[in-house]
PDB file of N, CA and C in Angstrom:
ATOM      1  N   MET A   1     111.018 109.608  75.593  1.00  0.00           N
ATOM      2  CA  MET A   1     110.165 108.881  76.524  1.00  0.00           C
ATOM      3  C   MET A   1     110.140 107.412  76.123  1.00  0.00           C
ATOM      4  N   ALA A   2     110.221 106.552  77.100  1.00  0.00           N
ATOM      5  CA  ALA A   2     110.271 105.114  76.853  1.00  0.00           C
ATOM      6  C   ALA A   2     108.907 104.595  76.398  1.00  0.00           C
ATOM      7  N   THR A   3     108.942 103.609  75.537  1.00  0.00           N
ATOM      8  CA  THR A   3     107.710 102.973  75.097  1.00  0.00           C
ATOM      9  C   THR A   3     107.266 101.963  76.152  1.00  0.00           C
ATOM     10  N   VAL A   4     106.049 101.500  76.023  1.00  0.00           N
ATOM     11  CA  VAL A   4     105.527 100.499  76.956  1.00  0.00           C
ATOM     12  C   VAL A   4     106.399  99.252  76.921  1.00  0.00           C
ATOM     13  N   ASP A   5     106.786  98.817  75.748  1.00  0.00           N
ATOM     14  CA  ASP A   5     107.624  97.620  75.641  1.00  0.00           C
ATOM     15  C   ASP A   5     108.986  97.817  76.305  1.00  0.00           C
ATOM     16  N   GLN A   6     109.554  99.007  76.179  1.00  0.00           N
ATOM     17  CA  GLN A   6     110.842  99.278  76.813  1.00  0.00           C
ATOM     18  C   GLN A   6     110.719  99.238  78.335  1.00  0.00           C
ATOM     19  N   ILE A   7     109.631  99.795  78.850  1.00  0.00           N
ATOM     20  CA  ILE A   7     109.402  99.771  80.295  1.00  0.00           C
ATOM     21  C   ILE A   7     109.226  98.333  80.777  1.00  0.00           C
ATOM     22  N   LYS A   8     108.414  97.554  80.058  1.00  0.00           N
ATOM     23  CA  LYS A   8     108.197  96.151  80.433  1.00  0.00           C
ATOM     24  C   LYS A   8     109.506  95.377  80.434  1.00  0.00           C
ATOM     25  N   ASN A   9     110.293  95.540  79.389  1.00  0.00           N
ATOM     26  CA  ASN A   9     111.563  94.819  79.298  1.00  0.00           C
ATOM     27  C   ASN A   9     112.528  95.237  80.402  1.00  0.00           C
ATOM     28  N   GLY A  10     112.531  96.515  80.742  1.00  0.00           N
ATOM     29  CA  GLY A  10     113.370  96.984  81.836  1.00  0.00           C
ATOM     30  C   GLY A  10     112.950  96.375  83.164  1.00  0.00           C
ATOM     31  N   LEU A  11     111.651  96.310  83.382  1.00  0.00           N
ATOM     32  CA  LEU A  11     111.146  95.694  84.614  1.00  0.00           C
ATOM     33  C   LEU A  11     111.484  94.209  84.664  1.00  0.00           C
ATOM     34  N   ILE A  12     111.321  93.521  83.551  1.00  0.00           N
ATOM     35  CA  ILE A  12     111.650  92.093  83.494  1.00  0.00           C
ATOM     36  C   ILE A  12     113.115  91.868  83.845  1.00  0.00           C
ATOM     37  N   ASP A  13     113.995  92.682  83.281  1.00  0.00           N
ATOM     38  CA  ASP A  13     115.427  92.561  83.581  1.00  0.00           C
ATOM     39  C   ASP A  13     115.693  92.752  85.073  1.00  0.00           C
ATOM     40  N   LYS A  14     115.049  93.744  85.676  1.00  0.00           N
ATOM     41  CA  LYS A  14     115.251  94.003  87.099  1.00  0.00           C
ATOM     42  C   LYS A  14     114.702  92.854  87.949  1.00  0.00           C
ATOM     43  N   ILE A  15     113.518  92.359  87.591  1.00  0.00           N
ATOM     44  CA  ILE A  15     112.894  91.271  88.347  1.00  0.00           C
ATOM     45  C   ILE A  15     113.742  90.008  88.283  1.00  0.00           C
ATOM     46  N   LEU A  16     114.304  89.741  87.129  1.00  0.00           N
ATOM     47  CA  LEU A  16     115.139  88.549  86.986  1.00  0.00           C
ATOM     48  C   LEU A  16     116.355  88.570  87.905  1.00  0.00           C
ATOM     49  N   ASN A  17     116.794  89.747  88.318  1.00  0.00           N
ATOM     50  CA  ASN A  17     117.960  89.866  89.187  1.00  0.00           C
ATOM     51  C   ASN A  17     117.609  89.866  90.676  1.00  0.00           C
ATOM     52  N   ILE A  18     116.343  89.917  91.014  1.00  0.00           N
ATOM     53  CA  ILE A  18     115.939  89.927  92.426  1.00  0.00           C
ATOM     54  C   ILE A  18     115.993  88.505  92.978  1.00  0.00           C
ATOM     55  N   GLN A  19     116.639  88.345  94.129  1.00  0.00           N
ATOM     56  CA  GLN A  19     116.757  87.033  94.767  1.00  0.00           C
ATOM     57  C   GLN A  19     115.930  86.936  96.046  1.00  0.00           C
ATOM     58  N   ASN A  20     115.379  88.035  96.517  1.00  0.00           N
ATOM     59  CA  ASN A  20     114.624  88.069  97.761  1.00  0.00           C
ATOM     60  C   ASN A  20     113.209  87.530  97.519  1.00  0.00           C
ATOM     61  N   LYS A  21     112.939  86.333  98.064  1.00  0.00           N
ATOM     62  CA  LYS A  21     111.665  85.657  97.839  1.00  0.00           C
ATOM     63  C   LYS A  21     110.491  86.466  98.395  1.00  0.00           C
ATOM     64  N   GLU A  22     110.641  87.048  99.583  1.00  0.00           N
ATOM     65  CA  GLU A  22     109.569  87.828 100.190  1.00  0.00           C
ATOM     66  C   GLU A  22     109.237  89.056  99.338  1.00  0.00           C
ATOM     67  N   PHE A  23     110.260  89.695  98.828  1.00  0.00           N
ATOM     68  CA  PHE A  23     110.049  90.856  97.969  1.00  0.00           C
ATOM     69  C   PHE A  23     109.304  90.449  96.705  1.00  0.00           C
ATOM     70  N   LEU A  24     109.716  89.329  96.111  1.00  0.00           N
ATOM     71  CA  LEU A  24     109.060  88.852  94.886  1.00  0.00           C
ATOM     72  C   LEU A  24     107.603  88.479  95.154  1.00  0.00           C
ATOM     73  N   ASN A  25     107.325  87.855  96.305  1.00  0.00           N
ATOM     74  CA  ASN A  25     105.941  87.530  96.656  1.00  0.00           C
ATOM     75  C   ASN A  25     105.107  88.795  96.813  1.00  0.00           C
ATOM     76  N   ALA A  26     105.681  89.804  97.461  1.00  0.00           N
ATOM     77  CA  ALA A  26     104.967  91.067  97.633  1.00  0.00           C
ATOM     78  C   ALA A  26     104.718  91.733  96.284  1.00  0.00           C
ATOM     79  N   LEU A  27     105.712  91.720  95.432  1.00  0.00           N
ATOM     80  CA  LEU A  27     105.572  92.296  94.091  1.00  0.00           C
ATOM     81  C   LEU A  27     104.499  91.560  93.296  1.00  0.00           C
ATOM     82  N   ASP A  28     104.467  90.251  93.421  1.00  0.00           N
ATOM     83  CA  ASP A  28     103.460  89.440  92.746  1.00  0.00           C
ATOM     84  C   ASP A  28     102.057  89.826  93.208  1.00  0.00           C
ATOM     85  N   LYS A  29     101.886  90.031  94.508  1.00  0.00           N
ATOM     86  CA  LYS A  29     100.576  90.424  95.043  1.00  0.00           C
ATOM     87  C   LYS A  29     100.157  91.791  94.518  1.00  0.00           C
ATOM     88  N   ILE A  30     101.102  92.712  94.463  1.00  0.00           N
ATOM     89  CA  ILE A  30     100.795  94.059  93.959  1.00  0.00           C
ATOM     90  C   ILE A  30     100.362  93.988  92.496  1.00  0.00           C
ATOM     91  N   ILE A  31     101.118  93.257  91.714  1.00  0.00           N
ATOM     92  CA  ILE A  31     100.801  93.157  90.282  1.00  0.00           C
ATOM     93  C   ILE A  31      99.469  92.443  90.077  1.00  0.00           C
ATOM     94  N   SER A  32      99.237  91.376  90.823  1.00  0.00           N
ATOM     95  CA  SER A  32      97.982  90.628  90.694  1.00  0.00           C
ATOM     96  C   SER A  32      96.793  91.487  91.082  1.00  0.00           C
ATOM     97  N   ALA A  33      96.917  92.245  92.168  1.00  0.00           N
ATOM     98  CA  ALA A  33      95.821  93.108  92.604  1.00  0.00           C
ATOM     99  C   ALA A  33      95.552  94.196  91.575  1.00  0.00           C
ATOM    100  N   SER A  34      96.604  94.779  91.038  1.00  0.00           N
ATOM    101  CA  SER A  34      96.456  95.824  90.042  1.00  0.00           C
ATOM    102  C   SER A  34      95.820  95.285  88.773  1.00  0.00           C
ATOM    103  N   PHE A  35      96.216  94.090  88.384  1.00  0.00           N
ATOM    104  CA  PHE A  35      95.682  93.485  87.165  1.00  0.00           C
ATOM    105  C   PHE A  35      94.193  93.231  87.307  1.00  0.00           C
ATOM    106  N   SER A  36      93.766  92.679  88.439  1.00  0.00           N
ATOM    107  CA  SER A  36      92.352  92.367  88.601  1.00  0.00           C
ATOM    108  C   SER A  36      91.519  93.634  88.709  1.00  0.00           C
ATOM    109  N   VAL A  37      92.053  94.695  89.320  1.00  0.00           N
ATOM    110  CA  VAL A  37      91.327  95.957  89.393  1.00  0.00           C
ATOM    111  C   VAL A  37      91.184  96.560  88.004  1.00  0.00           C
ATOM    112  N   ASN A  38      92.233  96.539  87.230  1.00  0.00           N
ATOM    113  CA  ASN A  38      92.202  97.135  85.900  1.00  0.00           C
ATOM    114  C   ASN A  38      91.345  96.337  84.928  1.00  0.00           C
ATOM    115  N   GLN A  39      91.114  95.071  85.190  1.00  0.00           N
ATOM    116  CA  GLN A  39      90.352  94.236  84.277  1.00  0.00           C
ATOM    117  C   GLN A  39      88.857  94.251  84.573  1.00  0.00           C
ATOM    118  N   THR A  40      88.459  94.872  85.679  1.00  0.00           N
ATOM    119  CA  THR A  40      87.058  94.890  86.065  1.00  0.00           C
ATOM    120  C   THR A  40      86.310  95.931  85.242  1.00  0.00           C
ATOM    121  N   GLU A  41      85.288  95.486  84.555  1.00  0.00           N
ATOM    122  CA  GLU A  41      84.437  96.385  83.788  1.00  0.00           C
ATOM    123  C   GLU A  41      83.066  96.419  84.448  1.00  0.00           C
ATOM    124  N   LEU A  42      82.568  97.596  84.689  1.00  0.00           N
ATOM    125  CA  LEU A  42      81.248  97.748  85.277  1.00  0.00           C
ATOM    126  C   LEU A  42      80.212  97.955  84.190  1.00  0.00           C
ATOM    127  N   SER A  43      79.027  97.414  84.433  1.00  0.00           N
ATOM    128  CA  SER A  43      77.929  97.622  83.494  1.00  0.00           C
ATOM    129  C   SER A  43      77.408  99.051  83.677  1.00  0.00           C
ATOM    130  N   ASP A  44      76.609  99.503  82.737  1.00  0.00           N
ATOM    131  CA  ASP A  44      76.035 100.844  82.834  1.00  0.00           C
ATOM    132  C   ASP A  44      75.164 100.983  84.077  1.00  0.00           C
ATOM    133  N   SER A  45      74.422  99.923  84.416  1.00  0.00           N
ATOM    134  CA  SER A  45      73.563 100.002  85.600  1.00  0.00           C
ATOM    135  C   SER A  45      74.400 100.036  86.880  1.00  0.00           C
ATOM    136  N   GLN A  46      75.531  99.319  86.909  1.00  0.00           N
ATOM    137  CA  GLN A  46      76.414  99.372  88.066  1.00  0.00           C
ATOM    138  C   GLN A  46      77.022 100.765  88.222  1.00  0.00           C
ATOM    139  N   LYS A  47      77.416 101.360  87.104  1.00  0.00           N
ATOM    140  CA  LYS A  47      77.958 102.722  87.144  1.00  0.00           C
ATOM    141  C   LYS A  47      76.905 103.708  87.646  1.00  0.00           C
ATOM    142  N   ALA A  48      75.667 103.534  87.205  1.00  0.00           N
ATOM    143  CA  ALA A  48      74.583 104.419  87.631  1.00  0.00           C
ATOM    144  C   ALA A  48      74.335 104.274  89.133  1.00  0.00           C
ATOM    145  N   MET A  49      74.368 103.045  89.634  1.00  0.00           N
ATOM    146  CA  MET A  49      74.174 102.816  91.071  1.00  0.00           C
ATOM    147  C   MET A  49      75.289 103.472  91.877  1.00  0.00           C
ATOM    148  N   LEU A  50      76.522 103.379  91.404  1.00  0.00           N
ATOM    149  CA  LEU A  50      77.639 104.019  92.098  1.00  0.00           C
ATOM    150  C   LEU A  50      77.503 105.536  92.093  1.00  0.00           C
ATOM    151  N   GLU A  51      77.043 106.089  90.992  1.00  0.00           N
ATOM    152  CA  GLU A  51      76.831 107.533  90.918  1.00  0.00           C
ATOM    153  C   GLU A  51      75.732 107.968  91.884  1.00  0.00           C
ATOM    154  N   MET A  52      74.655 107.178  91.968  1.00  0.00           N
ATOM    155  CA  MET A  52      73.579 107.506  92.897  1.00  0.00           C
ATOM    156  C   MET A  52      74.066 107.391  94.342  1.00  0.00           C
ATOM    157  N   SER A  53      74.883 106.385  94.631  1.00  0.00           N
ATOM    158  CA  SER A  53      75.439 106.226  95.977  1.00  0.00           C
ATOM    159  C   SER A  53      76.331 107.402  96.332  1.00  0.00           C
ATOM    160  N   ASN A  54      77.160 107.809  95.408  1.00  0.00           N
ATOM    161  CA  ASN A  54      78.047 108.950  95.638  1.00  0.00           C
ATOM    162  C   ASN A  54      77.230 110.210  95.895  1.00  0.00           C
ATOM    163  N   ASP A  55      76.158 110.389  95.142  1.00  0.00           N
ATOM    164  CA  ASP A  55      75.280 111.547  95.335  1.00  0.00           C
ATOM    165  C   ASP A  55      74.645 111.511  96.722  1.00  0.00           C
ATOM    166  N   ASP A  56      74.230 110.329  97.179  1.00  0.00           N
ATOM    167  CA  ASP A  56      73.670 110.184  98.524  1.00  0.00           C
ATOM    168  C   ASP A  56      74.689 110.588  99.582  1.00  0.00           C
ATOM    169  N   ILE A  57      75.930 110.165  99.411  1.00  0.00           N
ATOM    170  CA  ILE A  57      76.987 110.512 100.370  1.00  0.00           C
ATOM    171  C   ILE A  57      77.215 112.013 100.387  1.00  0.00           C
ATOM    172  N   ILE A  58      77.309 112.606  99.209  1.00  0.00           N
ATOM    173  CA  ILE A  58      77.550 114.048  99.103  1.00  0.00           C
ATOM    174  C   ILE A  58      76.440 114.843  99.793  1.00  0.00           C
ATOM    175  N   HIS A  59      75.191 114.393  99.643  1.00  0.00           N
ATOM    176  CA  HIS A  59      74.050 115.131 100.186  1.00  0.00           C
ATOM    177  C   HIS A  59      73.625 114.633 101.566  1.00  0.00           C
ATOM    178  N   GLY A  60      74.435 113.802 102.196  1.00  0.00           N
ATOM    179  CA  GLY A  60      74.166 113.380 103.569  1.00  0.00           C
ATOM    180  C   GLY A  60      72.988 112.443 103.732  1.00  0.00           C
ATOM    181  N   ARG A  61      72.636 111.739 102.678  1.00  0.00           N
ATOM    182  CA  ARG A  61      71.518 110.807 102.750  1.00  0.00           C
ATOM    183  C   ARG A  61      72.023 109.405 103.122  1.00  0.00           C
ATOM    184  N   THR A  62      72.680 109.324 104.268  1.00  0.00           N
ATOM    185  CA  THR A  62      73.211 108.055 104.754  1.00  0.00           C
ATOM    186  C   THR A  62      72.836 107.900 106.223  1.00  0.00           C
ATOM    187  N   ILE A  63      72.913 106.660 106.716  1.00  0.00           N
ATOM    188  CA  ILE A  63      72.711 106.397 108.137  1.00  0.00           C
ATOM    189  C   ILE A  63      73.832 105.484 108.608  1.00  0.00           C
ATOM    190  N   SER A  64      74.037 105.461 109.900  1.00  0.00           N
ATOM    191  CA  SER A  64      75.101 104.631 110.457  1.00  0.00           C
ATOM    192  C   SER A  64      74.701 103.155 110.427  1.00  0.00           C
ATOM    193  N   GLN A  65      75.690 102.296 110.575  1.00  0.00           N
ATOM    194  CA  GLN A  65      75.419 100.860 110.630  1.00  0.00           C
ATOM    195  C   GLN A  65      74.549 100.543 111.848  1.00  0.00           C
ATOM    196  N   GLU A  66      74.815 101.235 112.941  1.00  0.00           N
ATOM    197  CA  GLU A  66      74.038 101.022 114.164  1.00  0.00           C
ATOM    198  C   GLU A  66      72.561 101.352 113.941  1.00  0.00           C
ATOM    199  N   ALA A  67      72.297 102.479 113.274  1.00  0.00           N
ATOM    200  CA  ALA A  67      70.918 102.866 112.980  1.00  0.00           C
ATOM    201  C   ALA A  67      70.263 101.859 112.037  1.00  0.00           C
ATOM    202  N   MET A  68      71.018 101.360 111.075  1.00  0.00           N
ATOM    203  CA  MET A  68      70.478 100.364 110.149  1.00  0.00           C
ATOM    204  C   MET A  68      70.145  99.070 110.891  1.00  0.00           C
ATOM    205  N   ASN A  69      71.029  98.663 111.797  1.00  0.00           N
ATOM    206  CA  ASN A  69      70.759  97.455 112.589  1.00  0.00           C
ATOM    207  C   ASN A  69      69.480  97.618 113.404  1.00  0.00           C
ATOM    208  N   LYS A  70      69.287  98.803 113.999  1.00  0.00           N
ATOM    209  CA  LYS A  70      68.083  99.072 114.788  1.00  0.00           C
ATOM    210  C   LYS A  70      66.839  98.997 113.909  1.00  0.00           C
ATOM    211  N   ARG A  71      66.894  99.598 112.721  1.00  0.00           N
ATOM    212  CA  ARG A  71      65.761  99.525 111.783  1.00  0.00           C
ATOM    213  C   ARG A  71      65.441  98.083 111.403  1.00  0.00           C
ATOM    214  N   ASN A  72      66.482  97.318 111.136  1.00  0.00           N
ATOM    215  CA  ASN A  72      66.274  95.915 110.752  1.00  0.00           C
ATOM    216  C   ASN A  72      65.616  95.132 111.870  1.00  0.00           C
ATOM    217  N   LEU A  73      66.061  95.342 113.118  1.00  0.00           N
ATOM    218  CA  LEU A  73      65.468  94.647 114.253  1.00  0.00           C
ATOM    219  C   LEU A  73      64.021  95.043 114.431  1.00  0.00           C
ATOM    220  N   GLU A  74      63.732  96.336 114.289  1.00  0.00           N
ATOM    221  CA  GLU A  74      62.347  96.798 114.403  1.00  0.00           C
ATOM    222  C   GLU A  74      61.480  96.174 113.324  1.00  0.00           C
ATOM    223  N   TRP A  75      62.005  96.101 112.122  1.00  0.00           N
ATOM    224  CA  TRP A  75      61.249  95.515 111.018  1.00  0.00           C
ATOM    225  C   TRP A  75      61.020  94.016 111.258  1.00  0.00           C
ATOM    226  N   LEU A  76      62.070  93.312 111.706  1.00  0.00           N
ATOM    227  CA  LEU A  76      61.935  91.888 111.977  1.00  0.00           C
ATOM    228  C   LEU A  76      60.943  91.616 113.103  1.00  0.00           C
ATOM    229  N   ASN A  77      60.952  92.435 114.137  1.00  0.00           N
ATOM    230  CA  ASN A  77      60.044  92.247 115.262  1.00  0.00           C
ATOM    231  C   ASN A  77      58.603  92.598 114.891  1.00  0.00           C
ATOM    232  N   GLY A  78      58.437  93.410 113.867  1.00  0.00           N
ATOM    233  CA  GLY A  78      57.099  93.775 113.417  1.00  0.00           C
ATOM    234  C   GLY A  78      56.467  92.732 112.512  1.00  0.00           C
ATOM    235  N   GLN A  79      57.203  91.737 112.110  1.00  0.00           N
ATOM    236  CA  GLN A  79      56.693  90.701 111.192  1.00  0.00           C
ATOM    237  C   GLN A  79      55.762  89.744 111.896  1.00  0.00           C
TER     238      GLN A  79
END
C-alpha cells in the first residue's frame, strides 16, 4: 500500500503534466473546498447544537419555511 507521501508525489507528477487550464481550475476548486471543510473544527457547544437539531429532524419537530414566515409576521404584527 502506498504511503501518503507516495500518493502526494504521484498526484504532483500527474498535475504537472496537465495542460488543460479549465481542468486545473476545477481541480483547484475541489482541493480548496476539501481543505477548508477538513480544517473546520467545531466547538463542543456547536456539536451539541447540531446533535439537538438532528434529533429534532428525526422526531419531526420541524416546521416549513412558510409556517415560520407566518409565525414571524404574526409576532411582528402583535408588537
